[in-house]
Structures are given as structure tokens and as C-alpha cells.
Amino acid sequence: MKTVQMTLDPQLLARVDRVARRLGLTRSAFTRHALDAALERLHVQELEQRHREGYRRKPVRRGEFDAWTREQAWPD
């Protein structure tokens, strides 16, 4: 792992330390988890945007998925 230096305001640092202690993590471990989660959220948002853009460029046509209607029904 690499060591990095960060500048945080005192209130944010206090909140991070409280939560990290409550979770039984070090400040570094909590920060790694938080950064990883933030990057994953960004990735999902980007995928969702690409999905929306694709449907904007090529909207679903009426009847396009009618052949799959029976496949969607749950058996009794």
C-alpha cells in the first residue's frame, strides 16, 4: 500500500474517527472503504447514464418485447 497525506477539516475528521471506532476500523481502513464505495457509486451512476443515453438514442418500439410476454408469467 502507498501512504498518502490528506487535509480534512476538523469536524469531518472527528466524524470519521467516531464512525471508524464504532465499526472497529482504523482511520485508514475506514477511509479505504469509503473511497472504494464512492468509486463504486460513481461507476454505477456512469453505467446508468450510459443506459439512459442508449434508450434516448434508440427508444423501445411498440411491440418490441411482445415475444417475451409469456416468459414473464410465473407458473401457478
PDB file of N, CA and C in Angstrom:
ATOM      1  N   MET A   1       0.839  -1.183   0.000  1.00  0.00           N
ATOM      2  CA  MET A   1       0.000   0.000   0.000  1.00  0.00           C
ATOM      3  C   MET A   1       0.879   1.240   0.000  1.00  0.00           C
ATOM      4  N   LYS A   2       0.309   2.298  -0.530  1.00  0.00           N
ATOM      5  CA  LYS A   2       1.006   3.585  -0.543  1.00  0.00           C
ATOM      6  C   LYS A   2       0.492   4.421   0.621  1.00  0.00           C
ATOM      7  N   THR A   3       1.331   5.252   1.159  1.00  0.00           N
ATOM      8  CA  THR A   3       0.958   6.200   2.195  1.00  0.00           C
ATOM      9  C   THR A   3       0.669   7.530   1.522  1.00  0.00           C
ATOM     10  N   VAL A   4      -0.474   8.120   1.861  1.00  0.00           N
ATOM     11  CA  VAL A   4      -0.846   9.420   1.297  1.00  0.00           C
ATOM     12  C   VAL A   4      -1.156  10.386   2.434  1.00  0.00           C
ATOM     13  N   GLN A   5      -1.038  11.633   2.139  1.00  0.00           N
ATOM     14  CA  GLN A   5      -1.354  12.669   3.117  1.00  0.00           C
ATOM     15  C   GLN A   5      -2.589  13.406   2.623  1.00  0.00           C
ATOM     16  N   MET A   6      -3.543  13.642   3.540  1.00  0.00           N
ATOM     17  CA  MET A   6      -4.780  14.325   3.175  1.00  0.00           C
ATOM     18  C   MET A   6      -5.019  15.478   4.134  1.00  0.00           C
ATOM     19  N   THR A   7      -5.718  16.476   3.659  1.00  0.00           N
ATOM     20  CA  THR A   7      -6.120  17.582   4.506  1.00  0.00           C
ATOM     21  C   THR A   7      -7.632  17.505   4.684  1.00  0.00           C
ATOM     22  N   LEU A   8      -8.077  17.405   5.939  1.00  0.00           N
ATOM     23  CA  LEU A   8      -9.503  17.322   6.253  1.00  0.00           C
ATOM     24  C   LEU A   8      -9.836  18.371   7.301  1.00  0.00           C
ATOM     25  N   ASP A   9     -11.051  18.890   7.229  1.00  0.00           N
ATOM     26  CA  ASP A   9     -11.422  19.835   8.273  1.00  0.00           C
ATOM     27  C   ASP A   9     -11.656  19.064   9.577  1.00  0.00           C
ATOM     28  N   PRO A  10     -11.464  19.725  10.707  1.00  0.00           N
ATOM     29  CA  PRO A  10     -11.522  19.037  11.999  1.00  0.00           C
ATOM     30  C   PRO A  10     -12.857  18.328  12.265  1.00  0.00           C
ATOM     31  N   GLN A  11     -13.975  18.930  11.835  1.00  0.00           N
ATOM     32  CA  GLN A  11     -15.274  18.305  12.074  1.00  0.00           C
ATOM     33  C   GLN A  11     -15.413  16.997  11.296  1.00  0.00           C
ATOM     34  N   LEU A  12     -14.968  16.986  10.058  1.00  0.00           N
ATOM     35  CA  LEU A  12     -15.036  15.775   9.258  1.00  0.00           C
ATOM     36  C   LEU A  12     -14.129  14.698   9.851  1.00  0.00           C
ATOM     37  N   LEU A  13     -12.940  15.073  10.256  1.00  0.00           N
ATOM     38  CA  LEU A  13     -12.021  14.119  10.851  1.00  0.00           C
ATOM     39  C   LEU A  13     -12.604  13.518  12.132  1.00  0.00           C
ATOM     40  N   ALA A  14     -13.242  14.333  12.940  1.00  0.00           N
ATOM     41  CA  ALA A  14     -13.864  13.835  14.173  1.00  0.00           C
ATOM     42  C   ALA A  14     -14.976  12.845  13.847  1.00  0.00           C
ATOM     43  N   ARG A  15     -15.779  13.146  12.838  1.00  0.00           N
ATOM     44  CA  ARG A  15     -16.853  12.221  12.440  1.00  0.00           C
ATOM     45  C   ARG A  15     -16.281  10.910  11.923  1.00  0.00           C
ATOM     46  N   VAL A  16     -15.238  10.993  11.106  1.00  0.00           N
ATOM     47  CA  VAL A  16     -14.593   9.785  10.588  1.00  0.00           C
ATOM     48  C   VAL A  16     -14.054   8.946  11.742  1.00  0.00           C
ATOM     49  N   ASP A  17     -13.386   9.586  12.675  1.00  0.00           N
ATOM     50  CA  ASP A  17     -12.817   8.848  13.807  1.00  0.00           C
ATOM     51  C   ASP A  17     -13.898   8.188  14.651  1.00  0.00           C
ATOM     52  N   ARG A  18     -15.015   8.881  14.892  1.00  0.00           N
ATOM     53  CA  ARG A  18     -16.112   8.294  15.683  1.00  0.00           C
ATOM     54  C   ARG A  18     -16.676   7.056  15.001  1.00  0.00           C
ATOM     55  N   VAL A  19     -16.942   7.177  13.708  1.00  0.00           N
ATOM     56  CA  VAL A  19     -17.524   6.051  12.972  1.00  0.00           C
ATOM     57  C   VAL A  19     -16.524   4.908  12.862  1.00  0.00           C
ATOM     58  N   ALA A  20     -15.282   5.220  12.586  1.00  0.00           N
ATOM     59  CA  ALA A  20     -14.262   4.182  12.480  1.00  0.00           C
ATOM     60  C   ALA A  20     -14.148   3.409  13.792  1.00  0.00           C
ATOM     61  N   ARG A  21     -14.136   4.124  14.921  1.00  0.00           N
ATOM     62  CA  ARG A  21     -14.075   3.453  16.226  1.00  0.00           C
ATOM     63  C   ARG A  21     -15.291   2.559  16.436  1.00  0.00           C
ATOM     64  N   ARG A  22     -16.471   3.098  16.101  1.00  0.00           N
ATOM     65  CA  ARG A  22     -17.708   2.326  16.276  1.00  0.00           C
ATOM     66  C   ARG A  22     -17.676   1.044  15.438  1.00  0.00           C
ATOM     67  N   LEU A  23     -17.074   1.107  14.265  1.00  0.00           N
ATOM     68  CA  LEU A  23     -17.002  -0.052  13.378  1.00  0.00           C
ATOM     69  C   LEU A  23     -15.789  -0.945  13.665  1.00  0.00           C
ATOM     70  N   GLY A  24     -14.934  -0.507  14.571  1.00  0.00           N
ATOM     71  CA  GLY A  24     -13.741  -1.287  14.886  1.00  0.00           C
ATOM     72  C   GLY A  24     -12.694  -1.234  13.790  1.00  0.00           C
ATOM     73  N   LEU A  25     -12.641  -0.110  13.078  1.00  0.00           N
ATOM     74  CA  LEU A  25     -11.687   0.064  11.987  1.00  0.00           C
ATOM     75  C   LEU A  25     -10.686   1.151  12.332  1.00  0.00           C
ATOM     76  N   THR A  26      -9.553   1.099  11.686  1.00  0.00           N
ATOM     77  CA  THR A  26      -8.634   2.228  11.785  1.00  0.00           C
ATOM     78  C   THR A  26      -9.155   3.346  10.880  1.00  0.00           C
ATOM     79  N   ARG A  27      -8.631   4.519  11.089  1.00  0.00           N
ATOM     80  CA  ARG A  27      -8.997   5.645  10.228  1.00  0.00           C
ATOM     81  C   ARG A  27      -8.668   5.320   8.773  1.00  0.00           C
ATOM     82  N   SER A  28      -7.515   4.710   8.552  1.00  0.00           N
ATOM     83  CA  SER A  28      -7.109   4.368   7.184  1.00  0.00           C
ATOM     84  C   SER A  28      -8.040   3.340   6.565  1.00  0.00           C
ATOM     85  N   ALA A  29      -8.402   2.312   7.335  1.00  0.00           N
ATOM     86  CA  ALA A  29      -9.290   1.276   6.806  1.00  0.00           C
ATOM     87  C   ALA A  29     -10.653   1.875   6.468  1.00  0.00           C
ATOM     88  N   PHE A  30     -11.170   2.713   7.366  1.00  0.00           N
ATOM     89  CA  PHE A  30     -12.457   3.352   7.098  1.00  0.00           C
ATOM     90  C   PHE A  30     -12.377   4.194   5.827  1.00  0.00           C
ATOM     91  N   THR A  31     -11.311   4.950   5.690  1.00  0.00           N
ATOM     92  CA  THR A  31     -11.142   5.807   4.516  1.00  0.00           C
ATOM     93  C   THR A  31     -11.033   4.981   3.242  1.00  0.00           C
ATOM     94  N   ARG A  32     -10.307   3.872   3.290  1.00  0.00           N
ATOM     95  CA  ARG A  32     -10.221   2.997   2.116  1.00  0.00           C
ATOM     96  C   ARG A  32     -11.600   2.479   1.722  1.00  0.00           C
ATOM     97  N   HIS A  33     -12.368   2.022   2.717  1.00  0.00           N
ATOM     98  CA  HIS A  33     -13.722   1.526   2.433  1.00  0.00           C
ATOM     99  C   HIS A  33     -14.602   2.636   1.850  1.00  0.00           C
ATOM    100  N   ALA A  34     -14.514   3.825   2.434  1.00  0.00           N
ATOM    101  CA  ALA A  34     -15.336   4.947   1.974  1.00  0.00           C
ATOM    102  C   ALA A  34     -14.973   5.351   0.549  1.00  0.00           C
ATOM    103  N   LEU A  35     -13.689   5.399   0.250  1.00  0.00           N
ATOM    104  CA  LEU A  35     -13.265   5.756  -1.101  1.00  0.00           C
ATOM    105  C   LEU A  35     -13.679   4.690  -2.104  1.00  0.00           C
ATOM    106  N   ASP A  36     -13.542   3.433  -1.729  1.00  0.00           N
ATOM    107  CA  ASP A  36     -13.954   2.339  -2.607  1.00  0.00           C
ATOM    108  C   ASP A  36     -15.454   2.413  -2.886  1.00  0.00           C
ATOM    109  N   ALA A  37     -16.254   2.670  -1.843  1.00  0.00           N
ATOM    110  CA  ALA A  37     -17.709   2.783  -2.009  1.00  0.00           C
ATOM    111  C   ALA A  37     -18.061   3.976  -2.903  1.00  0.00           C
ATOM    112  N   ALA A  38     -17.371   5.088  -2.721  1.00  0.00           N
ATOM    113  CA  ALA A  38     -17.629   6.269  -3.548  1.00  0.00           C
ATOM    114  C   ALA A  38     -17.296   5.994  -5.009  1.00  0.00           C
ATOM    115  N   LEU A  39     -16.200   5.310  -5.254  1.00  0.00           N
ATOM    116  CA  LEU A  39     -15.827   4.977  -6.637  1.00  0.00           C
ATOM    117  C   LEU A  39     -16.832   4.011  -7.259  1.00  0.00           C
ATOM    118  N   GLU A  40     -17.322   3.061  -6.480  1.00  0.00           N
ATOM    119  CA  GLU A  40     -18.327   2.120  -6.992  1.00  0.00           C
ATOM    120  C   GLU A  40     -19.625   2.852  -7.329  1.00  0.00           C
ATOM    121  N   ARG A  41     -20.060   3.773  -6.447  1.00  0.00           N
ATOM    122  CA  ARG A  41     -21.270   4.567  -6.731  1.00  0.00           C
ATOM    123  C   ARG A  41     -21.100   5.366  -8.015  1.00  0.00           C
ATOM    124  N   LEU A  42     -19.947   5.973  -8.209  1.00  0.00           N
ATOM    125  CA  LEU A  42     -19.676   6.741  -9.423  1.00  0.00           C
ATOM    126  C   LEU A  42     -19.746   5.838 -10.646  1.00  0.00           C
ATOM    127  N   HIS A  43     -19.183   4.642 -10.548  1.00  0.00           N
ATOM    128  CA  HIS A  43     -19.217   3.693 -11.665  1.00  0.00           C
ATOM    129  C   HIS A  43     -20.660   3.323 -12.008  1.00  0.00           C
ATOM    130  N   VAL A  44     -21.482   3.050 -10.995  1.00  0.00           N
ATOM    131  CA  VAL A  44     -22.889   2.700 -11.223  1.00  0.00           C
ATOM    132  C   VAL A  44     -23.617   3.884 -11.860  1.00  0.00           C
ATOM    133  N   GLN A  45     -23.376   5.092 -11.376  1.00  0.00           N
ATOM    134  CA  GLN A  45     -24.011   6.276 -11.964  1.00  0.00           C
ATOM    135  C   GLN A  45     -23.625   6.428 -13.432  1.00  0.00           C
ATOM    136  N   GLU A  46     -22.369   6.176 -13.750  1.00  0.00           N
ATOM    137  CA  GLU A  46     -21.927   6.274 -15.143  1.00  0.00           C
ATOM    138  C   GLU A  46     -22.608   5.216 -16.012  1.00  0.00           C
ATOM    139  N   LEU A  47     -22.734   3.993 -15.501  1.00  0.00           N
ATOM    140  CA  LEU A  47     -23.422   2.941 -16.250  1.00  0.00           C
ATOM    141  C   LEU A  47     -24.892   3.285 -16.463  1.00  0.00           C
ATOM    142  N   GLU A  48     -25.536   3.818 -15.408  1.00  0.00           N
ATOM    143  CA  GLU A  48     -26.933   4.212 -15.536  1.00  0.00           C
ATOM    144  C   GLU A  48     -27.102   5.325 -16.562  1.00  0.00           C
ATOM    145  N   GLN A  49     -26.165   6.278 -16.595  1.00  0.00           N
ATOM    146  CA  GLN A  49     -26.222   7.362 -17.570  1.00  0.00           C
ATOM    147  C   GLN A  49     -26.071   6.813 -18.985  1.00  0.00           C
ATOM    148  N   ARG A  50     -25.149   5.868 -19.173  1.00  0.00           N
ATOM    149  CA  ARG A  50     -24.974   5.251 -20.495  1.00  0.00           C
ATOM    150  C   ARG A  50     -26.245   4.508 -20.905  1.00  0.00           C
ATOM    151  N   HIS A  51     -26.868   3.847 -19.954  1.00  0.00           N
ATOM    152  CA  HIS A  51     -28.109   3.116 -20.219  1.00  0.00           C
ATOM    153  C   HIS A  51     -29.212   4.089 -20.680  1.00  0.00           C
ATOM    154  N   ARG A  52     -29.385   5.188 -19.915  1.00  0.00           N
ATOM    155  CA  ARG A  52     -30.381   6.194 -20.285  1.00  0.00           C
ATOM    156  C   ARG A  52     -30.088   6.775 -21.668  1.00  0.00           C
ATOM    157  N   GLU A  53     -28.814   7.065 -21.929  1.00  0.00           N
ATOM    158  CA  GLU A  53     -28.425   7.647 -23.207  1.00  0.00           C
ATOM    159  C   GLU A  53     -28.723   6.682 -24.350  1.00  0.00           C
ATOM    160  N   GLY A  54     -28.464   5.398 -24.128  1.00  0.00           N
ATOM    161  CA  GLY A  54     -28.763   4.403 -25.159  1.00  0.00           C
ATOM    162  C   GLY A  54     -30.239   4.352 -25.491  1.00  0.00           C
ATOM    163  N   TYR A  55     -31.097   4.382 -24.461  1.00  0.00           N
ATOM    164  CA  TYR A  55     -32.539   4.372 -24.718  1.00  0.00           C
ATOM    165  C   TYR A  55     -33.014   5.701 -25.305  1.00  0.00           C
ATOM    166  N   ARG A  56     -32.319   6.802 -24.987  1.00  0.00           N
ATOM    167  CA  ARG A  56     -32.683   8.074 -25.600  1.00  0.00           C
ATOM    168  C   ARG A  56     -32.376   8.034 -27.100  1.00  0.00           C
ATOM    169  N   ARG A  57     -31.197   7.454 -27.440  1.00  0.00           N
ATOM    170  CA  ARG A  57     -30.809   7.374 -28.848  1.00  0.00           C
ATOM    171  C   ARG A  57     -31.640   6.348 -29.615  1.00  0.00           C
ATOM    172  N   LYS A  58     -32.014   5.271 -28.945  1.00  0.00           N
ATOM    173  CA  LYS A  58     -32.772   4.215 -29.613  1.00  0.00           C
ATOM    174  C   LYS A  58     -33.910   3.767 -28.693  1.00  0.00           C
ATOM    175  N   PRO A  59     -35.021   4.496 -28.690  1.00  0.00           N
ATOM    176  CA  PRO A  59     -36.136   4.162 -27.805  1.00  0.00           C
ATOM    177  C   PRO A  59     -36.741   2.797 -28.155  1.00  0.00           C
ATOM    178  N   VAL A  60     -37.377   2.208 -27.166  1.00  0.00           N
ATOM    179  CA  VAL A  60     -38.060   0.935 -27.377  1.00  0.00           C
ATOM    180  C   VAL A  60     -39.251   1.172 -28.303  1.00  0.00           C
ATOM    181  N   ARG A  61     -39.384   0.300 -29.302  1.00  0.00           N
ATOM    182  CA  ARG A  61     -40.513   0.405 -30.228  1.00  0.00           C
ATOM    183  C   ARG A  61     -41.706  -0.370 -29.682  1.00  0.00           C
ATOM    184  N   ARG A  62     -42.883   0.074 -30.028  1.00  0.00           N
ATOM    185  CA  ARG A  62     -44.099  -0.614 -29.624  1.00  0.00           C
ATOM    186  C   ARG A  62     -44.019  -2.069 -30.097  1.00  0.00           C
ATOM    187  N   GLY A  63     -44.266  -2.998 -29.184  1.00  0.00           N
ATOM    188  CA  GLY A  63     -44.274  -4.411 -29.515  1.00  0.00           C
ATOM    189  C   GLY A  63     -42.908  -5.066 -29.567  1.00  0.00           C
ATOM    190  N   GLU A  64     -41.859  -4.313 -29.302  1.00  0.00           N
ATOM    191  CA  GLU A  64     -40.507  -4.844 -29.429  1.00  0.00           C
ATOM    192  C   GLU A  64     -40.267  -6.066 -28.527  1.00  0.00           C
ATOM    193  N   PHE A  65     -40.896  -6.086 -27.370  1.00  0.00           N
ATOM    194  CA  PHE A  65     -40.660  -7.177 -26.428  1.00  0.00           C
ATOM    195  C   PHE A  65     -41.866  -8.093 -26.259  1.00  0.00           C
ATOM    196  N   ASP A  66     -42.843  -7.995 -27.151  1.00  0.00           N
ATOM    197  CA  ASP A  66     -44.049  -8.810 -27.025  1.00  0.00           C
ATOM    198  C   ASP A  66     -43.754 -10.311 -27.038  1.00  0.00           C
ATOM    199  N   ALA A  67     -42.737 -10.722 -27.741  1.00  0.00           N
ATOM    200  CA  ALA A  67     -42.419 -12.152 -27.828  1.00  0.00           C
ATOM    201  C   ALA A  67     -42.028 -12.724 -26.468  1.00  0.00           C
ATOM    202  N   TRP A  68     -41.652 -11.885 -25.529  1.00  0.00           N
ATOM    203  CA  TRP A  68     -41.204 -12.350 -24.216  1.00  0.00           C
ATOM    204  C   TRP A  68     -42.313 -12.307 -23.158  1.00  0.00           C
ATOM    205  N   THR A  69     -43.507 -11.900 -23.527  1.00  0.00           N
ATOM    206  CA  THR A  69     -44.580 -11.744 -22.548  1.00  0.00           C
ATOM    207  C   THR A  69     -44.854 -13.035 -21.793  1.00  0.00           C
ATOM    208  N   ARG A  70     -44.931 -14.164 -22.494  1.00  0.00           N
ATOM    209  CA  ARG A  70     -45.203 -15.438 -21.809  1.00  0.00           C
ATOM    210  C   ARG A  70     -44.072 -15.824 -20.856  1.00  0.00           C
ATOM    211  N   GLU A  71     -42.869 -15.442 -21.179  1.00  0.00           N
ATOM    212  CA  GLU A  71     -41.722 -15.792 -20.336  1.00  0.00           C
ATOM    213  C   GLU A  71     -41.760 -15.044 -19.001  1.00  0.00           C
ATOM    214  N   GLN A  72     -42.498 -13.941 -18.957  1.00  0.00           N
ATOM    215  CA  GLN A  72     -42.550 -13.133 -17.748  1.00  0.00           C
ATOM    216  C   GLN A  72     -43.569 -13.642 -16.732  1.00  0.00           C
ATOM    217  N   ALA A  73     -44.449 -14.519 -17.142  1.00  0.00           N
ATOM    218  CA  ALA A  73     -45.506 -15.012 -16.263  1.00  0.00           C
ATOM    219  C   ALA A  73     -44.971 -16.099 -15.339  1.00  0.00           C
ATOM    220  N   TRP A  74     -45.318 -15.985 -14.049  1.00  0.00           N
ATOM    221  CA  TRP A  74     -44.933 -17.004 -13.068  1.00  0.00           C
ATOM    222  C   TRP A  74     -45.933 -18.145 -13.129  1.00  0.00           C
ATOM    223  N   PRO A  75     -45.465 -19.382 -13.022  1.00  0.00           N
ATOM    224  CA  PRO A  75     -46.389 -20.504 -13.020  1.00  0.00           C
ATOM    225  C   PRO A  75     -47.224 -20.512 -11.741  1.00  0.00           C
ATOM    226  N   ASP A  76     -48.394 -21.094 -11.804  1.00  0.00           N
ATOM    227  CA  ASP A  76     -49.257 -21.172 -10.617  1.00  0.00           C
ATOM    228  C   ASP A  76     -48.764 -22.172  -9.624  1.00  0.00           C
TER     229      ASP A  76
END
